[in-house]
C-alpha atoms as a PDB file:
ATOM      1  CA  MET A   1     -13.792  86.084  96.075  1.00  0.00           C
ATOM      2  CA  PRO A   2     -12.565  82.518  95.602  1.00  0.00           C
ATOM      3  CA  CYS A   3     -13.786  79.879  98.074  1.00  0.00           C
ATOM      4  CA  ILE A   4     -11.578  77.248  99.699  1.00  0.00           C
ATOM      5  CA  SER A   5     -12.963  73.919 100.904  1.00  0.00           C
ATOM      6  CA  PHE A   6     -11.234  71.054 102.689  1.00  0.00           C
ATOM      7  CA  THR A   7     -12.254  67.419 102.439  1.00  0.00           C
ATOM      8  CA  GLY A   8     -13.902  65.729 105.384  1.00  0.00           C
ATOM      9  CA  HIS A   9     -10.709  63.849 106.204  1.00  0.00           C
ATOM     10  CA  LEU A  10      -8.765  67.055 106.815  1.00  0.00           C
ATOM     11  CA  ARG A  11     -11.708  68.704 108.591  1.00  0.00           C
ATOM     12  CA  ARG A  12     -11.601  65.904 111.170  1.00  0.00           C
ATOM     13  CA  TYR A  13      -8.211  67.183 112.335  1.00  0.00           C
ATOM     14  CA  LEU A  14      -8.716  70.893 111.757  1.00  0.00           C
ATOM     15  CA  PRO A  15     -12.370  71.865 111.562  1.00  0.00           C
ATOM     16  CA  VAL A  16     -12.756  74.660 109.024  1.00  0.00           C
ATOM     17  CA  ALA A  17     -15.780  75.562 106.970  1.00  0.00           C
ATOM     18  CA  THR A  18     -15.733  76.635 103.354  1.00  0.00           C
ATOM     19  CA  VAL A  19     -14.167  80.065 103.411  1.00  0.00           C
ATOM     20  CA  GLU A  20     -14.186  82.975 100.975  1.00  0.00           C
ATOM     21  CA  VAL A  21     -10.787  84.655 100.724  1.00  0.00           C
ATOM     22  CA  ALA A  22      -9.093  87.303  98.632  1.00  0.00           C
ATOM     23  CA  GLY A  23      -6.393  86.192  96.218  1.00  0.00           C
ATOM     24  CA  ASP A  24      -5.592  86.022  92.532  1.00  0.00           C
ATOM     25  CA  THR A  25      -3.600  82.765  92.698  1.00  0.00           C
ATOM     26  CA  VAL A  26      -4.035  79.531  94.622  1.00  0.00           C
ATOM     27  CA  GLY A  27      -1.052  80.503  96.800  1.00  0.00           C
ATOM     28  CA  ALA A  28      -2.383  83.992  97.538  1.00  0.00           C
ATOM     29  CA  ALA A  29      -5.805  82.600  98.462  1.00  0.00           C
ATOM     30  CA  LEU A  30      -4.211  80.032 100.778  1.00  0.00           C
ATOM     31  CA  SER A  31      -2.018  82.726 102.358  1.00  0.00           C
ATOM     32  CA  ALA A  32      -5.133  84.764 103.120  1.00  0.00           C
ATOM     33  CA  LEU A  33      -6.679  81.695 104.758  1.00  0.00           C
ATOM     34  CA  PHE A  34      -3.510  80.974 106.756  1.00  0.00           C
ATOM     35  CA  GLU A  35      -3.670  84.502 108.190  1.00  0.00           C
ATOM     36  CA  ARG A  36      -7.083  83.599 109.640  1.00  0.00           C
ATOM     37  CA  GLU A  37      -6.217  79.985 110.509  1.00  0.00           C
ATOM     38  CA  PRO A  38      -2.422  79.659 110.911  1.00  0.00           C
ATOM     39  CA  ARG A  39      -2.630  76.036 112.104  1.00  0.00           C
ATOM     40  CA  LEU A  40      -3.766  74.965 108.615  1.00  0.00           C
ATOM     41  CA  ARG A  41      -0.452  75.980 107.030  1.00  0.00           C
ATOM     42  CA  GLY A  42       1.473  72.980 108.374  1.00  0.00           C
ATOM     43  CA  TYR A  43      -1.127  70.565 107.036  1.00  0.00           C
ATOM     44  CA  VAL A  44      -1.070  72.041 103.530  1.00  0.00           C
ATOM     45  CA  LEU A  45       2.489  73.329 103.000  1.00  0.00           C
ATOM     46  CA  ASP A  46       5.894  71.893 103.857  1.00  0.00           C
ATOM     47  CA  ASP A  47       8.825  73.756 105.434  1.00  0.00           C
ATOM     48  CA  GLN A  48       9.831  75.173 102.033  1.00  0.00           C
ATOM     49  CA  GLY A  49       6.349  76.591 101.441  1.00  0.00           C
ATOM     50  CA  GLU A  50       5.452  73.993  98.797  1.00  0.00           C
ATOM     51  CA  ILE A  51       2.312  71.867  98.718  1.00  0.00           C
ATOM     52  CA  ARG A  52       2.887  68.767 100.817  1.00  0.00           C
ATOM     53  CA  ARG A  53       3.418  65.523  98.954  1.00  0.00           C
ATOM     54  CA  HIS A  54       0.173  64.028 100.254  1.00  0.00           C
ATOM     55  CA  VAL A  55      -1.999  67.078  99.624  1.00  0.00           C
ATOM     56  CA  ALA A  56      -3.701  67.856  96.323  1.00  0.00           C
ATOM     57  CA  ILE A  57      -5.315  71.124  95.323  1.00  0.00           C
ATOM     58  CA  PHE A  58      -7.950  71.274  92.604  1.00  0.00           C
ATOM     59  CA  VAL A  59      -9.547  74.219  90.819  1.00  0.00           C
ATOM     60  CA  GLY A  60     -12.110  73.615  88.098  1.00  0.00           C
ATOM     61  CA  GLY A  61     -11.684  69.863  88.387  1.00  0.00           C
ATOM     62  CA  GLU A  62      -7.947  69.965  87.649  1.00  0.00           C
ATOM     63  CA  ARG A  63      -4.966  69.643  89.952  1.00  0.00           C
ATOM     64  CA  ARG A  64      -3.251  73.010  90.335  1.00  0.00           C
ATOM     65  CA  ALA A  65      -0.030  74.511  91.710  1.00  0.00           C
ATOM     66  CA  LEU A  66       0.315  77.496  94.032  1.00  0.00           C
ATOM     67  CA  ALA A  67       1.053  79.863  91.137  1.00  0.00           C
ATOM     68  CA  HIS A  68      -2.131  78.963  89.253  1.00  0.00           C
ATOM     69  CA  PRO A  69      -4.375  82.024  88.776  1.00  0.00           C
ATOM     70  CA  VAL A  70      -7.872  81.962  90.239  1.00  0.00           C
ATOM     71  CA  LYS A  71     -10.933  84.050  89.474  1.00  0.00           C
ATOM     72  CA  PRO A  72     -13.368  85.420  92.063  1.00  0.00           C
ATOM     73  CA  GLU A  73     -15.924  82.736  91.177  1.00  0.00           C
ATOM     74  CA  ASP A  74     -13.462  79.812  91.501  1.00  0.00           C
ATOM     75  CA  HIS A  75     -13.667  77.134  94.166  1.00  0.00           C
ATOM     76  CA  ILE A  76     -10.386  75.725  95.500  1.00  0.00           C
ATOM     77  CA  TYR A  77     -10.547  72.208  96.917  1.00  0.00           C
ATOM     78  CA  VAL A  78      -7.825  70.954  99.262  1.00  0.00           C
ATOM     79  CA  LEU A  79      -7.719  67.210  99.823  1.00  0.00           C
ATOM     80  CA  GLN A  80      -5.435  64.477 100.978  1.00  0.00           C
ATOM     81  CA  ALA A  81      -3.769  62.831  97.991  1.00  0.00           C
ATOM     82  CA  LEU A  82      -3.599  59.047  98.005  1.00  0.00           C
ATOM     83  CA  SER A  83      -0.422  57.199  97.200  1.00  0.00           C
ATOM     84  CA  GLY A  84       0.761  53.680  97.350  1.00  0.00           C
ATOM     85  CA  GLY A  85       1.434  50.836  95.111  1.00  0.00           C
END
């Protein structure tokens, strides 16, 4: 099953360990995690169910969308995206 990890910054607010979840896409894996930890949903997704502007999700070293397929051996990283200018 894919694993989901959160950066230390997000774990300060919502402590969650690396978790194995079922899912064949990034979105399905996150949904499985949100069933276990519903309070994480608001930190990751906006009211329309899209990834928040200041959150980035990486699989295999590349930024990915919710519809991106994942394999059982994949690791999904959720981190706070930096912005500014």
